[in-house]
Amino acid sequence: MRVEPIRRVAVAGFQHETNSFAPLPADLRAFEVGALLRGEAMARLAGSDTPTAGFVAAAESAGVKTVPLLFAWAGQPVYAGLFVA
């Protein structure tokens, strides 16, 4: 008897819309206000018009198990120091 392997893929999304008219650059708080979803909280994206939600829907319809990691969204230019560890 042959057992099919479980196909799993980790999912993360970073969505950014640069609004050059925003008075301040995006810092971590801007992402928390916009959307900063970790793990199972990403289920809130289901049915939305985000690329991440579309990818998850397509993967799951193809029988792939998705493992949600992180989704982040903000609408201002990103503060340069935000990505520095």
C-alpha atoms as a PDB file:
ATOM      1  CA  MET A   1       0.000   0.000   0.000  1.00  0.00           C
ATOM      2  CA  ARG A   2       1.447   3.333  -1.063  1.00  0.00           C
ATOM      3  CA  VAL A   3       0.934   6.308   1.220  1.00  0.00           C
ATOM      4  CA  GLU A   4       0.810   9.741  -0.397  1.00  0.00           C
ATOM      5  CA  PRO A   5       2.954  12.344   1.362  1.00  0.00           C
ATOM      6  CA  ILE A   6       1.207  15.310   2.914  1.00  0.00           C
ATOM      7  CA  ARG A   7       1.977  18.433   0.926  1.00  0.00           C
ATOM      8  CA  ARG A   8       2.432  21.462   3.152  1.00  0.00           C
ATOM      9  CA  VAL A   9       3.526  24.991   2.380  1.00  0.00           C
ATOM     10  CA  ALA A  10       4.287  27.851   4.770  1.00  0.00           C
ATOM     11  CA  VAL A  11       2.408  31.070   3.973  1.00  0.00           C
ATOM     12  CA  ALA A  12       3.522  34.610   4.684  1.00  0.00           C
ATOM     13  CA  GLY A  13       2.409  37.849   3.086  1.00  0.00           C
ATOM     14  CA  PHE A  14       3.746  41.370   3.024  1.00  0.00           C
ATOM     15  CA  GLN A  15       1.432  43.858   1.352  1.00  0.00           C
ATOM     16  CA  HIS A  16       2.401  47.486   1.098  1.00  0.00           C
ATOM     17  CA  GLU A  17       0.734  50.390  -0.632  1.00  0.00           C
ATOM     18  CA  THR A  18       2.964  53.427  -0.700  1.00  0.00           C
ATOM     19  CA  ASN A  19       1.003  56.597  -0.065  1.00  0.00           C
ATOM     20  CA  SER A  20       3.461  59.403  -0.688  1.00  0.00           C
ATOM     21  CA  PHE A  21       0.991  61.898   0.812  1.00  0.00           C
ATOM     22  CA  ALA A  22       1.113  60.217   4.232  1.00  0.00           C
ATOM     23  CA  PRO A  23       2.690  62.619   6.719  1.00  0.00           C
ATOM     24  CA  LEU A  24       4.727  59.914   8.517  1.00  0.00           C
ATOM     25  CA  PRO A  25       6.543  56.769   7.379  1.00  0.00           C
ATOM     26  CA  ALA A  26       5.255  53.362   8.446  1.00  0.00           C
ATOM     27  CA  ASP A  27       6.783  52.007  11.607  1.00  0.00           C
ATOM     28  CA  LEU A  28       5.844  48.782  13.396  1.00  0.00           C
ATOM     29  CA  ARG A  29       2.754  50.447  14.909  1.00  0.00           C
ATOM     30  CA  ALA A  30       1.463  51.309  11.405  1.00  0.00           C
ATOM     31  CA  PHE A  31       1.545  47.606  10.528  1.00  0.00           C
ATOM     32  CA  GLU A  32      -0.195  46.686  13.787  1.00  0.00           C
ATOM     33  CA  VAL A  33      -2.981  49.158  12.956  1.00  0.00           C
ATOM     34  CA  GLY A  34      -3.193  48.165   9.268  1.00  0.00           C
ATOM     35  CA  ALA A  35      -2.808  44.416   9.630  1.00  0.00           C
ATOM     36  CA  LEU A  36      -0.233  42.363  11.443  1.00  0.00           C
ATOM     37  CA  LEU A  37      -1.594  38.828  11.653  1.00  0.00           C
ATOM     38  CA  ARG A  38       0.349  35.906  13.046  1.00  0.00           C
ATOM     39  CA  GLY A  39      -0.417  32.219  12.679  1.00  0.00           C
ATOM     40  CA  GLU A  40      -4.059  31.202  12.785  1.00  0.00           C
ATOM     41  CA  ALA A  41      -5.144  34.867  12.924  1.00  0.00           C
ATOM     42  CA  MET A  42      -4.449  34.874   9.168  1.00  0.00           C
ATOM     43  CA  ALA A  43      -7.754  33.008   8.755  1.00  0.00           C
ATOM     44  CA  ARG A  44      -9.375  36.471   8.860  1.00  0.00           C
ATOM     45  CA  LEU A  45      -7.999  37.012   5.342  1.00  0.00           C
ATOM     46  CA  ALA A  46     -10.188  34.244   3.880  1.00  0.00           C
ATOM     47  CA  GLY A  47     -12.403  35.616   1.137  1.00  0.00           C
ATOM     48  CA  SER A  48     -10.604  38.958   1.032  1.00  0.00           C
ATOM     49  CA  ASP A  49      -9.148  40.463  -2.129  1.00  0.00           C
ATOM     50  CA  THR A  50      -5.541  40.028  -0.995  1.00  0.00           C
ATOM     51  CA  PRO A  51      -2.970  38.024  -2.960  1.00  0.00           C
ATOM     52  CA  THR A  52      -2.267  35.973   0.163  1.00  0.00           C
ATOM     53  CA  ALA A  53      -5.929  34.926   0.501  1.00  0.00           C
ATOM     54  CA  GLY A  54      -6.016  33.970  -3.181  1.00  0.00           C
ATOM     55  CA  PHE A  55      -2.893  31.864  -2.836  1.00  0.00           C
ATOM     56  CA  VAL A  56      -4.260  30.045   0.230  1.00  0.00           C
ATOM     57  CA  ALA A  57      -7.582  29.339  -1.500  1.00  0.00           C
ATOM     58  CA  ALA A  58      -5.854  27.966  -4.614  1.00  0.00           C
ATOM     59  CA  ALA A  59      -3.402  25.857  -2.612  1.00  0.00           C
ATOM     60  CA  GLU A  60      -6.096  24.347  -0.428  1.00  0.00           C
ATOM     61  CA  SER A  61      -8.327  23.586  -3.419  1.00  0.00           C
ATOM     62  CA  ALA A  62      -5.359  21.642  -4.868  1.00  0.00           C
ATOM     63  CA  GLY A  63      -5.084  19.594  -1.672  1.00  0.00           C
ATOM     64  CA  VAL A  64      -2.096  21.423  -0.202  1.00  0.00           C
ATOM     65  CA  LYS A  65      -2.111  22.028   3.556  1.00  0.00           C
ATOM     66  CA  THR A  66      -1.176  25.624   4.294  1.00  0.00           C
ATOM     67  CA  VAL A  67       0.707  26.625   7.436  1.00  0.00           C
ATOM     68  CA  PRO A  68       0.042  30.306   8.215  1.00  0.00           C
ATOM     69  CA  LEU A  69       3.025  32.256   9.527  1.00  0.00           C
ATOM     70  CA  LEU A  70       2.645  36.023   9.120  1.00  0.00           C
ATOM     71  CA  PHE A  71       0.782  38.674   7.128  1.00  0.00           C
ATOM     72  CA  ALA A  72       1.606  42.382   7.307  1.00  0.00           C
ATOM     73  CA  TRP A  73       0.062  45.419   5.614  1.00  0.00           C
ATOM     74  CA  ALA A  74       0.522  49.197   5.923  1.00  0.00           C
ATOM     75  CA  GLY A  75      -0.237  52.127   3.658  1.00  0.00           C
ATOM     76  CA  GLN A  76       2.584  54.583   4.157  1.00  0.00           C
ATOM     77  CA  PRO A  77       6.198  54.652   2.978  1.00  0.00           C
ATOM     78  CA  VAL A  78       8.152  52.247   5.193  1.00  0.00           C
ATOM     79  CA  TYR A  79      10.562  53.655   7.754  1.00  0.00           C
ATOM     80  CA  ALA A  80      14.045  52.527   6.680  1.00  0.00           C
ATOM     81  CA  GLY A  81      14.978  51.243  10.147  1.00  0.00           C
ATOM     82  CA  LEU A  82      11.909  49.006  10.428  1.00  0.00           C
ATOM     83  CA  PHE A  83      13.619  46.002   8.817  1.00  0.00           C
ATOM     84  CA  VAL A  84      16.872  46.277  10.730  1.00  0.00           C
ATOM     85  CA  ALA A  85      17.132  43.492  13.301  1.00  0.00           C
END
